[in-house]
Amino acid sequence: MSSTTNIFITGATGYIGGTVLSRLLTHPSAPTFKITALVRSPEKAAKLQSAANNISAVASADDLGGMKAILSGLKKRYEKTGVLVDDQRAKGMYAIEKIYSDTDIDAIESLPLKAWHRAVDVEVVKADTEGYAKTYIILPSVIYGISTGPIADLDADVQHLHSIVLPMLIKASLGRGQAAVVGEGKNIWANVEIGEIADLYIILYDAILSDPSTAHGREGFYFGENGEHTLYEASKAISEAMLARGKGQTLEPTSGLLIFFGTNSRCRADRSRSIGWKPVKTTRDMLASIQPEVDAVLNLTLTK
């Protein structure tokens, strides 16, 4: 008789969390999983539990005993974390040469606490160092694509199906009637498809179970990327998508975005690939995903 594996997942109806939960529900060992999922409301909890018999959904950390203090502490630190601005001087005018690898721990530890999520990462690693738990941190780049799976197939209001960065860029472009860049849009961001970042979570999970020595704590950083794009490339694809729906003015993006969009974010998922992660979706797929995202934003606007 197989033993039961207890899994606790937060953000179970979010873009990443819901996709990872869908992967867990279709995992070969799913019948042995006892999954506790933290969600935002009792209504979502009830709908989520209908997805599978082995899900116990709760809408409050109060239901989780000692876990409440851990979640509250991380939440407090998360809310005080600043936004990553990697070389603010770039302003879309150039790409930086620095590419971070998830195996270069010294470079990761050199990041300031104001870097996006860095303060939380430090606390998580601290828990491992002090022996409270083995910790593993997955850091995706710009995620794209519309989520699919058992959780996404529930009622439309259960899981958030879209990423943050690209829809933000699309909404800003639609709002001004034209796709935009910062400066010349030469800054570079790495990217990864939503299904493939969810695959990384499962591959890491399997690796941890099969080999307890899998890198954790200070060395337990796992990046998610499989390609890069410039802001200009993304905005040009948005222009094309807008024109295809009669919403744009010209094919060329014009200047007029927040400085944040003109920053650089480059990385290589060397450690992630070393444990067997093999992403196949590339920047071409990312650019192709923009038309459906534009359509989704337009449909949401039209139905309001």
C-alpha atoms as a PDB file:
ATOM      1  CA  MET A   1       0.000   0.000   0.000  1.00  0.00           C
ATOM      2  CA  SER A   2       1.413   3.366  -1.016  1.00  0.00           C
ATOM      3  CA  SER A   3       2.001   5.938   1.724  1.00  0.00           C
ATOM      4  CA  THR A   4       0.220   9.270   1.597  1.00  0.00           C
ATOM      5  CA  THR A   5       2.138  12.398   0.598  1.00  0.00           C
ATOM      6  CA  ASN A   6       0.856  15.603   2.198  1.00  0.00           C
ATOM      7  CA  ILE A   7       1.150  18.657  -0.056  1.00  0.00           C
ATOM      8  CA  PHE A   8       0.330  22.230   0.988  1.00  0.00           C
ATOM      9  CA  ILE A   9      -0.055  24.782  -1.799  1.00  0.00           C
ATOM     10  CA  THR A  10      -0.751  28.513  -1.598  1.00  0.00           C
ATOM     11  CA  GLY A  11      -2.104  30.564  -4.485  1.00  0.00           C
ATOM     12  CA  ALA A  12      -3.940  27.470  -5.700  1.00  0.00           C
ATOM     13  CA  THR A  13      -6.254  29.496  -7.941  1.00  0.00           C
ATOM     14  CA  GLY A  14      -3.559  31.848  -9.183  1.00  0.00           C
ATOM     15  CA  TYR A  15      -1.876  31.804 -12.573  1.00  0.00           C
ATOM     16  CA  ILE A  16       1.129  29.716 -11.526  1.00  0.00           C
ATOM     17  CA  GLY A  17      -0.374  27.983  -8.496  1.00  0.00           C
ATOM     18  CA  GLY A  18      -3.447  26.793 -10.369  1.00  0.00           C
ATOM     19  CA  THR A  19      -1.335  25.453 -13.219  1.00  0.00           C
ATOM     20  CA  VAL A  20       0.974  23.625 -10.804  1.00  0.00           C
ATOM     21  CA  LEU A  21      -2.051  22.198  -8.973  1.00  0.00           C
ATOM     22  CA  SER A  22      -3.392  20.919 -12.290  1.00  0.00           C
ATOM     23  CA  ARG A  23      -0.058  19.186 -12.873  1.00  0.00           C
ATOM     24  CA  LEU A  24      -0.225  17.593  -9.421  1.00  0.00           C
ATOM     25  CA  LEU A  25      -3.721  16.275 -10.136  1.00  0.00           C
ATOM     26  CA  THR A  26      -2.457  14.529 -13.276  1.00  0.00           C
ATOM     27  CA  HIS A  27       0.812  13.319 -11.716  1.00  0.00           C
ATOM     28  CA  PRO A  28       1.355   9.521 -11.861  1.00  0.00           C
ATOM     29  CA  SER A  29       1.379   9.462  -8.046  1.00  0.00           C
ATOM     30  CA  ALA A  30      -1.697  11.698  -7.676  1.00  0.00           C
ATOM     31  CA  PRO A  31      -3.784   8.960  -5.958  1.00  0.00           C
ATOM     32  CA  THR A  32      -1.329   9.058  -3.040  1.00  0.00           C
ATOM     33  CA  PHE A  33      -1.463  12.854  -2.645  1.00  0.00           C
ATOM     34  CA  LYS A  34      -3.416  14.599   0.089  1.00  0.00           C
ATOM     35  CA  ILE A  35      -3.461  18.216  -1.079  1.00  0.00           C
ATOM     36  CA  THR A  36      -4.361  21.176   1.126  1.00  0.00           C
ATOM     37  CA  ALA A  37      -4.889  24.330  -0.925  1.00  0.00           C
ATOM     38  CA  LEU A  38      -5.108  27.868   0.452  1.00  0.00           C
ATOM     39  CA  VAL A  39      -7.458  30.090  -1.586  1.00  0.00           C
ATOM     40  CA  ARG A  40      -8.930  33.577  -1.274  1.00  0.00           C
ATOM     41  CA  SER A  41     -12.597  32.836  -0.552  1.00  0.00           C
ATOM     42  CA  PRO A  42     -15.000  30.110   0.688  1.00  0.00           C
ATOM     43  CA  GLU A  43     -16.676  30.168  -2.724  1.00  0.00           C
ATOM     44  CA  LYS A  44     -13.428  29.334  -4.502  1.00  0.00           C
ATOM     45  CA  ALA A  45     -12.642  26.709  -1.878  1.00  0.00           C
ATOM     46  CA  ALA A  46     -15.909  24.898  -2.586  1.00  0.00           C
ATOM     47  CA  LYS A  47     -15.392  24.968  -6.345  1.00  0.00           C
ATOM     48  CA  LEU A  48     -11.772  23.863  -6.051  1.00  0.00           C
ATOM     49  CA  GLN A  49     -12.686  20.817  -3.977  1.00  0.00           C
ATOM     50  CA  SER A  50     -14.955  19.655  -6.782  1.00  0.00           C
ATOM     51  CA  ALA A  51     -11.890  19.177  -9.011  1.00  0.00           C
ATOM     52  CA  ALA A  52     -10.667  16.070  -7.182  1.00  0.00           C
ATOM     53  CA  ASN A  53     -11.357  13.947  -4.113  1.00  0.00           C
ATOM     54  CA  ASN A  54      -7.864  14.474  -2.715  1.00  0.00           C
ATOM     55  CA  ILE A  55      -8.082  18.284  -2.434  1.00  0.00           C
ATOM     56  CA  SER A  56      -8.934  20.009   0.838  1.00  0.00           C
ATOM     57  CA  ALA A  57      -9.348  23.722   0.143  1.00  0.00           C
ATOM     58  CA  VAL A  58      -9.295  26.326   2.923  1.00  0.00           C
ATOM     59  CA  ALA A  59      -9.983  30.039   2.637  1.00  0.00           C
ATOM     60  CA  SER A  60      -8.063  31.178   5.724  1.00  0.00           C
ATOM     61  CA  ALA A  61      -4.667  30.504   7.215  1.00  0.00           C
ATOM     62  CA  ASP A  62      -6.510  30.303  10.556  1.00  0.00           C
ATOM     63  CA  ASP A  63      -7.506  26.776   9.510  1.00  0.00           C
ATOM     64  CA  LEU A  64      -3.882  25.697   9.309  1.00  0.00           C
ATOM     65  CA  GLY A  65      -2.695  26.088  12.882  1.00  0.00           C
ATOM     66  CA  GLY A  66       1.017  26.891  13.094  1.00  0.00           C
ATOM     67  CA  MET A  67       1.185  27.545   9.346  1.00  0.00           C
ATOM     68  CA  LYS A  68      -0.586  30.868   9.927  1.00  0.00           C
ATOM     69  CA  ALA A  69       2.464  32.455  11.561  1.00  0.00           C
ATOM     70  CA  ILE A  70       4.732  31.351   8.730  1.00  0.00           C
ATOM     71  CA  LEU A  71       2.383  32.686   6.058  1.00  0.00           C
ATOM     72  CA  SER A  72       1.799  35.949   7.903  1.00  0.00           C
ATOM     73  CA  GLY A  73       5.527  36.497   8.274  1.00  0.00           C
ATOM     74  CA  LEU A  74       6.251  35.848   4.613  1.00  0.00           C
ATOM     75  CA  LYS A  75       3.293  37.993   3.557  1.00  0.00           C
ATOM     76  CA  LYS A  76       4.517  40.887   5.691  1.00  0.00           C
ATOM     77  CA  ARG A  77       7.991  40.717   4.207  1.00  0.00           C
ATOM     78  CA  TYR A  78       6.625  40.293   0.686  1.00  0.00           C
ATOM     79  CA  GLU A  79       4.535  43.444   0.962  1.00  0.00           C
ATOM     80  CA  LYS A  80       7.603  45.404   2.068  1.00  0.00           C
ATOM     81  CA  THR A  81       9.762  44.145  -0.776  1.00  0.00           C
ATOM     82  CA  GLY A  82      10.677  46.684  -3.440  1.00  0.00           C
ATOM     83  CA  VAL A  83      10.428  46.212  -7.180  1.00  0.00           C
ATOM     84  CA  LEU A  84      13.479  44.999  -9.100  1.00  0.00           C
ATOM     85  CA  VAL A  85      14.912  47.733 -11.283  1.00  0.00           C
ATOM     86  CA  ASP A  86      17.914  46.210 -13.015  1.00  0.00           C
ATOM     87  CA  ASP A  87      20.000  49.084 -14.362  1.00  0.00           C
ATOM     88  CA  GLN A  88      17.378  51.837 -14.279  1.00  0.00           C
ATOM     89  CA  ARG A  89      19.657  53.979 -16.424  1.00  0.00           C
ATOM     90  CA  ALA A  90      18.978  51.746 -19.426  1.00  0.00           C
ATOM     91  CA  LYS A  91      15.517  53.242 -20.059  1.00  0.00           C
ATOM     92  CA  GLY A  92      15.106  50.976 -23.079  1.00  0.00           C
ATOM     93  CA  MET A  93      18.218  52.317 -24.791  1.00  0.00           C
ATOM     94  CA  TYR A  94      20.454  49.259 -24.429  1.00  0.00           C
ATOM     95  CA  ALA A  95      20.662  45.649 -23.244  1.00  0.00           C
ATOM     96  CA  ILE A  96      22.904  44.777 -20.331  1.00  0.00           C
ATOM     97  CA  GLU A  97      25.580  42.123 -20.771  1.00  0.00           C
ATOM     98  CA  LYS A  98      25.124  40.636 -17.290  1.00  0.00           C
ATOM     99  CA  ILE A  99      23.241  37.329 -17.399  1.00  0.00           C
ATOM    100  CA  TYR A 100      22.481  35.700 -14.046  1.00  0.00           C
ATOM    101  CA  SER A 101      22.792  31.915 -13.742  1.00  0.00           C
ATOM    102  CA  ASP A 102      20.948  29.972 -11.056  1.00  0.00           C
ATOM    103  CA  THR A 103      24.252  28.220 -10.329  1.00  0.00           C
ATOM    104  CA  ASP A 104      26.080  31.495  -9.606  1.00  0.00           C
ATOM    105  CA  ILE A 105      25.136  31.839  -5.948  1.00  0.00           C
ATOM    106  CA  ASP A 106      27.570  34.683  -5.265  1.00  0.00           C
ATOM    107  CA  ALA A 107      25.903  36.792  -7.961  1.00  0.00           C
ATOM    108  CA  ILE A 108      22.436  36.012  -6.588  1.00  0.00           C
ATOM    109  CA  GLU A 109      23.503  36.917  -3.062  1.00  0.00           C
ATOM    110  CA  SER A 110      24.933  40.201  -4.317  1.00  0.00           C
ATOM    111  CA  LEU A 111      21.430  41.404  -5.239  1.00  0.00           C
ATOM    112  CA  PRO A 112      20.142  44.172  -2.935  1.00  0.00           C
ATOM    113  CA  LEU A 113      17.201  43.491  -0.626  1.00  0.00           C
ATOM    114  CA  LYS A 114      15.146  45.999  -2.640  1.00  0.00           C
ATOM    115  CA  ALA A 115      15.314  43.671  -5.649  1.00  0.00           C
ATOM    116  CA  TRP A 116      11.981  42.092  -6.517  1.00  0.00           C
ATOM    117  CA  HIS A 117      11.176  39.346  -3.932  1.00  0.00           C
ATOM    118  CA  ARG A 118      14.773  39.278  -2.698  1.00  0.00           C
ATOM    119  CA  ALA A 119      13.804  39.988   0.926  1.00  0.00           C
ATOM    120  CA  VAL A 120      11.454  36.997   0.891  1.00  0.00           C
ATOM    121  CA  ASP A 121      14.097  34.779  -0.716  1.00  0.00           C
ATOM    122  CA  VAL A 122      16.548  35.673   2.048  1.00  0.00           C
ATOM    123  CA  GLU A 123      14.049  34.655   4.738  1.00  0.00           C
ATOM    124  CA  VAL A 124      13.268  31.373   2.986  1.00  0.00           C
ATOM    125  CA  VAL A 125      16.963  30.496   2.697  1.00  0.00           C
ATOM    126  CA  LYS A 126      17.395  31.472   6.357  1.00  0.00           C
ATOM    127  CA  ALA A 127      14.817  28.845   7.347  1.00  0.00           C
ATOM    128  CA  ASP A 128      16.934  26.214   5.578  1.00  0.00           C
ATOM    129  CA  THR A 129      20.170  27.465   7.123  1.00  0.00           C
ATOM    130  CA  GLU A 130      18.649  27.293  10.601  1.00  0.00           C
ATOM    131  CA  GLY A 131      17.364  23.790   9.954  1.00  0.00           C
ATOM    132  CA  TYR A 132      13.616  24.442  10.032  1.00  0.00           C
ATOM    133  CA  ALA A 133      13.051  23.064   6.547  1.00  0.00           C
ATOM    134  CA  LYS A 134      14.742  22.293   3.272  1.00  0.00           C
ATOM    135  CA  THR A 135      13.862  25.123   0.916  1.00  0.00           C
ATOM    136  CA  TYR A 136      13.780  25.397  -2.864  1.00  0.00           C
ATOM    137  CA  ILE A 137      13.048  28.635  -4.728  1.00  0.00           C
ATOM    138  CA  ILE A 138      11.795  28.708  -8.315  1.00  0.00           C
ATOM    139  CA  LEU A 139      12.265  32.071 -10.030  1.00  0.00           C
ATOM    140  CA  PRO A 140      10.430  32.382 -13.356  1.00  0.00           C
ATOM    141  CA  SER A 141      11.252  35.044 -15.913  1.00  0.00           C
ATOM    142  CA  VAL A 142       8.433  36.735 -17.865  1.00  0.00           C
ATOM    143  CA  ILE A 143       5.732  34.065 -18.056  1.00  0.00           C
ATOM    144  CA  TYR A 144       3.423  33.919 -21.046  1.00  0.00           C
ATOM    145  CA  GLY A 145       0.535  31.836 -22.303  1.00  0.00           C
ATOM    146  CA  ILE A 146      -2.995  31.103 -21.091  1.00  0.00           C
ATOM    147  CA  SER A 147      -3.212  28.472 -18.353  1.00  0.00           C
ATOM    148  CA  THR A 148      -4.883  25.132 -19.077  1.00  0.00           C
ATOM    149  CA  GLY A 149      -5.690  22.035 -17.027  1.00  0.00           C
ATOM    150  CA  PRO A 150      -8.296  20.676 -14.587  1.00  0.00           C
ATOM    151  CA  ILE A 151      -8.311  23.830 -12.448  1.00  0.00           C
ATOM    152  CA  ALA A 152      -8.537  26.136 -15.466  1.00  0.00           C
ATOM    153  CA  ASP A 153     -11.470  24.027 -16.691  1.00  0.00           C
ATOM    154  CA  LEU A 154     -13.540  24.856 -13.596  1.00  0.00           C
ATOM    155  CA  ASP A 155     -15.828  27.905 -13.546  1.00  0.00           C
ATOM    156  CA  ALA A 156     -14.292  30.923 -15.256  1.00  0.00           C
ATOM    157  CA  ASP A 157     -13.954  32.830 -11.973  1.00  0.00           C
ATOM    158  CA  VAL A 158     -11.944  30.145 -10.129  1.00  0.00           C
ATOM    159  CA  GLN A 159      -8.405  30.406 -11.552  1.00  0.00           C
ATOM    160  CA  HIS A 160      -6.582  33.433 -12.902  1.00  0.00           C
ATOM    161  CA  LEU A 161      -5.606  32.294 -16.395  1.00  0.00           C
ATOM    162  CA  HIS A 162      -3.303  35.095 -17.513  1.00  0.00           C
ATOM    163  CA  SER A 163       0.140  36.393 -16.585  1.00  0.00           C
ATOM    164  CA  ILE A 164       0.884  39.885 -15.305  1.00  0.00           C
ATOM    165  CA  VAL A 165       3.594  41.564 -17.377  1.00  0.00           C
ATOM    166  CA  LEU A 166       2.346  41.019 -20.935  1.00  0.00           C
ATOM    167  CA  PRO A 167      -1.317  41.849 -20.145  1.00  0.00           C
ATOM    168  CA  MET A 168      -0.084  45.010 -18.378  1.00  0.00           C
ATOM    169  CA  LEU A 169       1.801  45.967 -21.516  1.00  0.00           C
ATOM    170  CA  ILE A 170      -1.212  45.153 -23.679  1.00  0.00           C
ATOM    171  CA  LYS A 171      -3.640  47.148 -21.519  1.00  0.00           C
ATOM    172  CA  ALA A 172      -1.299  50.142 -21.527  1.00  0.00           C
ATOM    173  CA  SER A 173      -1.055  49.924 -25.315  1.00  0.00           C
ATOM    174  CA  LEU A 174      -4.817  49.620 -25.818  1.00  0.00           C
ATOM    175  CA  GLY A 175      -5.381  52.486 -23.405  1.00  0.00           C
ATOM    176  CA  ARG A 176      -3.241  54.845 -25.466  1.00  0.00           C
ATOM    177  CA  GLY A 177      -4.408  53.431 -28.804  1.00  0.00           C
ATOM    178  CA  GLN A 178      -0.910  52.385 -29.824  1.00  0.00           C
ATOM    179  CA  ALA A 179       1.756  49.925 -28.656  1.00  0.00           C
ATOM    180  CA  ALA A 180       4.587  51.600 -26.808  1.00  0.00           C
ATOM    181  CA  VAL A 181       8.219  51.215 -25.766  1.00  0.00           C
ATOM    182  CA  VAL A 182      10.607  52.941 -23.387  1.00  0.00           C
ATOM    183  CA  GLY A 183      13.360  54.669 -25.329  1.00  0.00           C
ATOM    184  CA  GLU A 184      14.189  52.420 -28.278  1.00  0.00           C
ATOM    185  CA  GLY A 185      12.951  49.224 -26.628  1.00  0.00           C
ATOM    186  CA  LYS A 186      16.385  47.580 -26.763  1.00  0.00           C
ATOM    187  CA  ASN A 187      16.237  46.232 -23.204  1.00  0.00           C
ATOM    188  CA  ILE A 188      15.999  42.447 -22.849  1.00  0.00           C
ATOM    189  CA  TRP A 189      13.840  40.158 -20.707  1.00  0.00           C
ATOM    190  CA  ALA A 190      13.983  36.366 -20.481  1.00  0.00           C
ATOM    191  CA  ASN A 191      10.727  34.446 -20.935  1.00  0.00           C
ATOM    192  CA  VAL A 192       9.110  31.087 -20.171  1.00  0.00           C
ATOM    193  CA  GLU A 193       5.782  29.450 -21.078  1.00  0.00           C
ATOM    194  CA  ILE A 194       3.283  28.838 -18.246  1.00  0.00           C
ATOM    195  CA  GLY A 195       2.969  25.088 -18.842  1.00  0.00           C
ATOM    196  CA  GLU A 196       6.725  24.671 -18.887  1.00  0.00           C
ATOM    197  CA  ILE A 197       7.286  26.596 -15.658  1.00  0.00           C
ATOM    198  CA  ALA A 198       4.666  24.331 -14.061  1.00  0.00           C
ATOM    199  CA  ASP A 199       6.643  21.368 -15.413  1.00  0.00           C
ATOM    200  CA  LEU A 200       9.696  22.691 -13.558  1.00  0.00           C
ATOM    201  CA  TYR A 201       7.806  22.592 -10.263  1.00  0.00           C
ATOM    202  CA  ILE A 202       6.880  18.952 -10.820  1.00  0.00           C
ATOM    203  CA  ILE A 203      10.354  17.954 -12.030  1.00  0.00           C
ATOM    204  CA  LEU A 204      11.894  19.588  -8.965  1.00  0.00           C
ATOM    205  CA  TYR A 205       9.349  17.842  -6.729  1.00  0.00           C
ATOM    206  CA  ASP A 206      10.211  14.466  -8.249  1.00  0.00           C
ATOM    207  CA  ALA A 207      13.943  15.201  -7.988  1.00  0.00           C
ATOM    208  CA  ILE A 208      13.638  16.032  -4.287  1.00  0.00           C
ATOM    209  CA  LEU A 209      11.830  12.758  -3.566  1.00  0.00           C
ATOM    210  CA  SER A 210      14.282  10.644  -5.552  1.00  0.00           C
ATOM    211  CA  ASP A 211      17.424  12.412  -4.334  1.00  0.00           C
ATOM    212  CA  PRO A 212      17.302  14.195  -0.946  1.00  0.00           C
ATOM    213  CA  SER A 213      20.646  15.834  -1.764  1.00  0.00           C
ATOM    214  CA  THR A 214      19.043  17.909  -4.550  1.00  0.00           C
ATOM    215  CA  ALA A 215      20.354  21.468  -4.137  1.00  0.00           C
ATOM    216  CA  HIS A 216      18.418  23.412  -1.503  1.00  0.00           C
ATOM    217  CA  GLY A 217      18.809  26.398   0.779  1.00  0.00           C
ATOM    218  CA  ARG A 218      21.626  28.703  -0.305  1.00  0.00           C
ATOM    219  CA  GLU A 219      22.078  26.719  -3.525  1.00  0.00           C
ATOM    220  CA  GLY A 220      18.401  25.945  -4.010  1.00  0.00           C
ATOM    221  CA  PHE A 221      17.600  28.534  -6.677  1.00  0.00           C
ATOM    222  CA  TYR A 222      15.964  27.321  -9.882  1.00  0.00           C
ATOM    223  CA  PHE A 223      15.389  29.819 -12.690  1.00  0.00           C
ATOM    224  CA  GLY A 224      12.760  29.398 -15.378  1.00  0.00           C
ATOM    225  CA  GLU A 225      13.646  30.676 -18.862  1.00  0.00           C
ATOM    226  CA  ASN A 226      13.917  29.431 -22.403  1.00  0.00           C
ATOM    227  CA  GLY A 227      14.582  32.463 -24.522  1.00  0.00           C
ATOM    228  CA  GLU A 228      14.800  36.236 -24.494  1.00  0.00           C
ATOM    229  CA  HIS A 229      12.956  39.101 -26.133  1.00  0.00           C
ATOM    230  CA  THR A 230      13.456  42.828 -26.398  1.00  0.00           C
ATOM    231  CA  LEU A 231      10.720  45.229 -25.373  1.00  0.00           C
ATOM    232  CA  TYR A 232      10.589  46.341 -29.003  1.00  0.00           C
ATOM    233  CA  GLU A 233       9.853  42.789 -30.202  1.00  0.00           C
ATOM    234  CA  ALA A 234       7.024  42.360 -27.706  1.00  0.00           C
ATOM    235  CA  SER A 235       5.533  45.769 -28.459  1.00  0.00           C
ATOM    236  CA  LYS A 236       5.796  45.214 -32.217  1.00  0.00           C
ATOM    237  CA  ALA A 237       3.799  41.979 -31.791  1.00  0.00           C
ATOM    238  CA  ILE A 238       1.214  43.904 -29.778  1.00  0.00           C
ATOM    239  CA  SER A 239       0.993  46.491 -32.578  1.00  0.00           C
ATOM    240  CA  GLU A 240       0.360  43.732 -35.106  1.00  0.00           C
ATOM    241  CA  ALA A 241      -2.296  42.154 -32.885  1.00  0.00           C
ATOM    242  CA  MET A 242      -4.015  45.496 -32.302  1.00  0.00           C
ATOM    243  CA  LEU A 243      -4.050  46.338 -36.010  1.00  0.00           C
ATOM    244  CA  ALA A 244      -5.527  42.913 -36.745  1.00  0.00           C
ATOM    245  CA  ARG A 245      -8.466  43.868 -34.504  1.00  0.00           C
ATOM    246  CA  GLY A 246      -8.781  47.415 -35.786  1.00  0.00           C
ATOM    247  CA  LYS A 247      -7.407  48.957 -32.593  1.00  0.00           C
ATOM    248  CA  GLY A 248      -3.975  50.240 -33.556  1.00  0.00           C
ATOM    249  CA  GLN A 249      -2.702  53.235 -35.490  1.00  0.00           C
ATOM    250  CA  THR A 250       0.648  52.151 -36.927  1.00  0.00           C
ATOM    251  CA  LEU A 251       2.853  49.061 -36.903  1.00  0.00           C
ATOM    252  CA  GLU A 252       5.747  50.823 -35.182  1.00  0.00           C
ATOM    253  CA  PRO A 253       5.530  51.205 -31.383  1.00  0.00           C
ATOM    254  CA  THR A 254       5.995  54.718 -30.059  1.00  0.00           C
ATOM    255  CA  SER A 255       7.639  55.938 -26.859  1.00  0.00           C
ATOM    256  CA  GLY A 256       5.429  56.288 -23.814  1.00  0.00           C
ATOM    257  CA  LEU A 257       5.722  53.610 -21.107  1.00  0.00           C
ATOM    258  CA  LEU A 258       6.688  53.490 -17.448  1.00  0.00           C
ATOM    259  CA  ILE A 259      10.459  53.244 -16.877  1.00  0.00           C
ATOM    260  CA  PHE A 260       9.919  49.792 -15.334  1.00  0.00           C
ATOM    261  CA  PHE A 261       9.287  48.381 -18.802  1.00  0.00           C
ATOM    262  CA  GLY A 262      12.646  49.741 -19.955  1.00  0.00           C
ATOM    263  CA  THR A 263      14.704  47.667 -17.503  1.00  0.00           C
ATOM    264  CA  ASN A 264      16.641  44.485 -18.242  1.00  0.00           C
ATOM    265  CA  SER A 265      16.150  41.017 -16.759  1.00  0.00           C
ATOM    266  CA  ARG A 266      18.437  38.310 -18.124  1.00  0.00           C
ATOM    267  CA  CYS A 267      19.062  34.852 -16.689  1.00  0.00           C
ATOM    268  CA  ARG A 268      19.996  31.267 -17.528  1.00  0.00           C
ATOM    269  CA  ALA A 269      18.286  28.238 -15.984  1.00  0.00           C
ATOM    270  CA  ASP A 270      21.412  26.081 -15.733  1.00  0.00           C
ATOM    271  CA  ARG A 271      20.523  24.376 -12.445  1.00  0.00           C
ATOM    272  CA  SER A 272      16.940  23.801 -13.558  1.00  0.00           C
ATOM    273  CA  ARG A 273      18.134  22.046 -16.695  1.00  0.00           C
ATOM    274  CA  SER A 274      20.595  19.978 -14.657  1.00  0.00           C
ATOM    275  CA  ILE A 275      17.714  18.224 -12.866  1.00  0.00           C
ATOM    276  CA  GLY A 276      16.024  17.249 -16.120  1.00  0.00           C
ATOM    277  CA  TRP A 277      13.889  20.253 -17.055  1.00  0.00           C
ATOM    278  CA  LYS A 278      13.708  20.452 -20.852  1.00  0.00           C
ATOM    279  CA  PRO A 279      11.612  23.405 -22.043  1.00  0.00           C
ATOM    280  CA  VAL A 280      10.904  23.557 -25.773  1.00  0.00           C
ATOM    281  CA  LYS A 281       8.800  26.716 -26.158  1.00  0.00           C
ATOM    282  CA  THR A 282      10.869  29.637 -27.432  1.00  0.00           C
ATOM    283  CA  THR A 283      10.593  33.375 -27.965  1.00  0.00           C
ATOM    284  CA  ARG A 284       8.770  32.659 -31.207  1.00  0.00           C
ATOM    285  CA  ASP A 285       6.032  30.998 -29.137  1.00  0.00           C
ATOM    286  CA  MET A 286       5.992  33.954 -26.760  1.00  0.00           C
ATOM    287  CA  LEU A 287       5.440  36.399 -29.609  1.00  0.00           C
ATOM    288  CA  ALA A 288       2.736  34.151 -31.075  1.00  0.00           C
ATOM    289  CA  SER A 289       0.959  34.125 -27.696  1.00  0.00           C
ATOM    290  CA  ILE A 290       0.372  37.873 -27.817  1.00  0.00           C
ATOM    291  CA  GLN A 291      -2.563  37.811 -30.267  1.00  0.00           C
ATOM    292  CA  PRO A 292      -4.683  35.553 -27.985  1.00  0.00           C
ATOM    293  CA  GLU A 293      -3.759  37.754 -25.026  1.00  0.00           C
ATOM    294  CA  VAL A 294      -4.839  40.901 -26.887  1.00  0.00           C
ATOM    295  CA  ASP A 295      -8.097  39.177 -27.810  1.00  0.00           C
ATOM    296  CA  ALA A 296      -8.631  38.162 -24.169  1.00  0.00           C
ATOM    297  CA  VAL A 297      -8.133  41.733 -22.945  1.00  0.00           C
ATOM    298  CA  LEU A 298     -10.482  43.069 -25.630  1.00  0.00           C
ATOM    299  CA  ASN A 299     -13.135  40.465 -24.795  1.00  0.00           C
ATOM    300  CA  LEU A 300     -12.921  41.319 -21.095  1.00  0.00           C
ATOM    301  CA  THR A 301     -13.296  45.009 -21.874  1.00  0.00           C
ATOM    302  CA  LEU A 302     -16.247  44.425 -24.179  1.00  0.00           C
ATOM    303  CA  THR A 303     -18.106  42.242 -21.673  1.00  0.00           C
ATOM    304  CA  LYS A 304     -17.834  44.706 -18.785  1.00  0.00           C
END
